[in-house]
Amino acid sequence: MDMLASVAAMSKYHFLRTFRRSIGMTPYQFLLSVRMRRAAVCLATSSEPVSGIAFECGFGDLSTFNGRFRDAFGVSPIAYRSRERTSWKTRQ
């Protein structure tokens, strides 16, 4: 956060307010959403273990990843992978 604020030539708190007003979420929420979207793509397109995808996407703890993923997508990572693969097969 300090580095982002410095690059934007703002105080940390002004940067936070400006970012939130512009993007609609805090920088942390934005980063988390980017990580979740990346994980979703990896789950749908690879057979890498869920734990590997979690760590690759910046999560240091599998249970935290599972909880955040469920909050974001409404299903567990394994259920998401299964649903996306089934959906892909029916589209072909």
C-alpha atoms as a PDB file:
ATOM      1  CA  MET A   1       0.000   0.000   0.000  1.00  0.00           C
ATOM      2  CA  ASP A   2       2.810   2.399   0.847  1.00  0.00           C
ATOM      3  CA  MET A   3       4.535   1.706  -2.460  1.00  0.00           C
ATOM      4  CA  LEU A   4       1.320   2.220  -4.471  1.00  0.00           C
ATOM      5  CA  ALA A   5       0.615   5.476  -2.676  1.00  0.00           C
ATOM      6  CA  SER A   6       4.185   6.616  -3.271  1.00  0.00           C
ATOM      7  CA  VAL A   7       3.983   5.853  -7.005  1.00  0.00           C
ATOM      8  CA  ALA A   8       0.708   7.798  -7.165  1.00  0.00           C
ATOM      9  CA  ALA A   9       2.335  10.657  -5.202  1.00  0.00           C
ATOM     10  CA  MET A  10      -0.389  10.519  -2.544  1.00  0.00           C
ATOM     11  CA  SER A  11      -0.584   9.787   1.125  1.00  0.00           C
ATOM     12  CA  LYS A  12      -1.585   6.221   1.906  1.00  0.00           C
ATOM     13  CA  TYR A  13      -5.009   7.269   3.150  1.00  0.00           C
ATOM     14  CA  HIS A  14      -5.726   9.582   0.223  1.00  0.00           C
ATOM     15  CA  PHE A  15      -4.689   6.818  -2.189  1.00  0.00           C
ATOM     16  CA  LEU A  16      -7.012   4.371  -0.434  1.00  0.00           C
ATOM     17  CA  ARG A  17      -9.965   6.765  -0.631  1.00  0.00           C
ATOM     18  CA  THR A  18      -9.247   7.642  -4.277  1.00  0.00           C
ATOM     19  CA  PHE A  19      -8.779   4.014  -5.306  1.00  0.00           C
ATOM     20  CA  ARG A  20     -11.982   2.960  -3.593  1.00  0.00           C
ATOM     21  CA  ARG A  21     -13.950   5.808  -5.152  1.00  0.00           C
ATOM     22  CA  SER A  22     -12.567   5.015  -8.636  1.00  0.00           C
ATOM     23  CA  ILE A  23     -12.637   1.212  -8.634  1.00  0.00           C
ATOM     24  CA  GLY A  24     -15.426   0.549  -6.141  1.00  0.00           C
ATOM     25  CA  MET A  25     -13.327  -1.585  -3.807  1.00  0.00           C
ATOM     26  CA  THR A  26     -10.184  -1.340  -1.726  1.00  0.00           C
ATOM     27  CA  PRO A  27      -6.809  -2.286  -3.209  1.00  0.00           C
ATOM     28  CA  TYR A  28      -6.834  -5.474  -1.110  1.00  0.00           C
ATOM     29  CA  GLN A  29     -10.307  -6.429  -2.347  1.00  0.00           C
ATOM     30  CA  PHE A  30      -9.166  -5.753  -5.918  1.00  0.00           C
ATOM     31  CA  LEU A  31      -6.070  -7.919  -5.478  1.00  0.00           C
ATOM     32  CA  LEU A  32      -8.164 -10.687  -3.965  1.00  0.00           C
ATOM     33  CA  SER A  33     -10.631 -10.585  -6.875  1.00  0.00           C
ATOM     34  CA  VAL A  34      -7.758 -10.805  -9.387  1.00  0.00           C
ATOM     35  CA  ARG A  35      -6.336 -13.802  -7.517  1.00  0.00           C
ATOM     36  CA  MET A  36      -9.749 -15.481  -7.427  1.00  0.00           C
ATOM     37  CA  ARG A  37     -10.322 -15.005 -11.160  1.00  0.00           C
ATOM     38  CA  ARG A  38      -6.855 -16.391 -11.889  1.00  0.00           C
ATOM     39  CA  ALA A  39      -7.530 -19.397  -9.667  1.00  0.00           C
ATOM     40  CA  ALA A  40     -10.877 -20.007 -11.391  1.00  0.00           C
ATOM     41  CA  VAL A  41      -9.223 -20.025 -14.806  1.00  0.00           C
ATOM     42  CA  CYS A  42      -6.508 -22.388 -13.570  1.00  0.00           C
ATOM     43  CA  LEU A  43      -9.077 -24.726 -12.041  1.00  0.00           C
ATOM     44  CA  ALA A  44     -11.086 -24.831 -15.253  1.00  0.00           C
ATOM     45  CA  THR A  45      -8.145 -25.289 -17.599  1.00  0.00           C
ATOM     46  CA  SER A  46      -5.591 -27.414 -15.770  1.00  0.00           C
ATOM     47  CA  SER A  47      -5.431 -30.600 -13.777  1.00  0.00           C
ATOM     48  CA  GLU A  48      -2.987 -29.147 -11.257  1.00  0.00           C
ATOM     49  CA  PRO A  49      -3.930 -29.924  -7.643  1.00  0.00           C
ATOM     50  CA  VAL A  50      -6.063 -27.324  -5.895  1.00  0.00           C
ATOM     51  CA  SER A  51      -3.309 -26.762  -3.342  1.00  0.00           C
ATOM     52  CA  GLY A  52      -0.813 -25.950  -6.100  1.00  0.00           C
ATOM     53  CA  ILE A  53      -3.220 -23.484  -7.682  1.00  0.00           C
ATOM     54  CA  ALA A  54      -3.871 -21.871  -4.297  1.00  0.00           C
ATOM     55  CA  PHE A  55      -0.176 -21.335  -3.634  1.00  0.00           C
ATOM     56  CA  GLU A  56       0.472 -20.228  -7.235  1.00  0.00           C
ATOM     57  CA  CYS A  57      -2.246 -17.581  -6.888  1.00  0.00           C
ATOM     58  CA  GLY A  58      -0.708 -16.114  -3.749  1.00  0.00           C
ATOM     59  CA  PHE A  59      -2.490 -17.940  -0.944  1.00  0.00           C
ATOM     60  CA  GLY A  60      -0.258 -19.339   1.774  1.00  0.00           C
ATOM     61  CA  ASP A  61      -2.967 -21.454   3.339  1.00  0.00           C
ATOM     62  CA  LEU A  62      -5.281 -23.924   1.600  1.00  0.00           C
ATOM     63  CA  SER A  63      -8.161 -23.495   4.047  1.00  0.00           C
ATOM     64  CA  THR A  64      -8.131 -19.723   3.546  1.00  0.00           C
ATOM     65  CA  PHE A  65      -8.147 -20.244  -0.214  1.00  0.00           C
ATOM     66  CA  ASN A  66     -11.061 -22.688   0.010  1.00  0.00           C
ATOM     67  CA  GLY A  67     -13.086 -20.276   2.139  1.00  0.00           C
ATOM     68  CA  ARG A  68     -12.368 -17.253  -0.051  1.00  0.00           C
ATOM     69  CA  PHE A  69     -13.115 -19.236  -3.205  1.00  0.00           C
ATOM     70  CA  ARG A  70     -16.438 -20.429  -1.804  1.00  0.00           C
ATOM     71  CA  ASP A  71     -17.314 -16.844  -0.832  1.00  0.00           C
ATOM     72  CA  ALA A  72     -16.469 -15.590  -4.326  1.00  0.00           C
ATOM     73  CA  PHE A  73     -18.043 -18.349  -6.447  1.00  0.00           C
ATOM     74  CA  GLY A  74     -20.555 -20.043  -4.157  1.00  0.00           C
ATOM     75  CA  VAL A  75     -18.959 -23.487  -4.469  1.00  0.00           C
ATOM     76  CA  SER A  76     -15.750 -25.197  -3.401  1.00  0.00           C
ATOM     77  CA  PRO A  77     -12.789 -25.174  -5.791  1.00  0.00           C
ATOM     78  CA  ILE A  78     -13.288 -28.878  -6.554  1.00  0.00           C
ATOM     79  CA  ALA A  79     -17.002 -28.398  -7.270  1.00  0.00           C
ATOM     80  CA  TYR A  80     -16.159 -25.402  -9.482  1.00  0.00           C
ATOM     81  CA  ARG A  81     -13.630 -27.452 -11.433  1.00  0.00           C
ATOM     82  CA  SER A  82     -16.111 -30.272 -11.905  1.00  0.00           C
ATOM     83  CA  ARG A  83     -18.880 -27.893 -12.997  1.00  0.00           C
ATOM     84  CA  GLU A  84     -16.645 -26.045 -15.451  1.00  0.00           C
ATOM     85  CA  ARG A  85     -15.316 -29.237 -17.020  1.00  0.00           C
ATOM     86  CA  THR A  86     -18.849 -30.599 -17.418  1.00  0.00           C
ATOM     87  CA  SER A  87     -19.952 -27.283 -18.898  1.00  0.00           C
ATOM     88  CA  TRP A  88     -16.998 -27.303 -21.311  1.00  0.00           C
ATOM     89  CA  LYS A  89     -17.811 -30.816 -22.521  1.00  0.00           C
ATOM     90  CA  THR A  90     -21.442 -29.916 -23.257  1.00  0.00           C
ATOM     91  CA  ARG A  91     -20.346 -26.868 -25.283  1.00  0.00           C
ATOM     92  CA  GLN A  92     -18.244 -28.964 -27.647  1.00  0.00           C
END
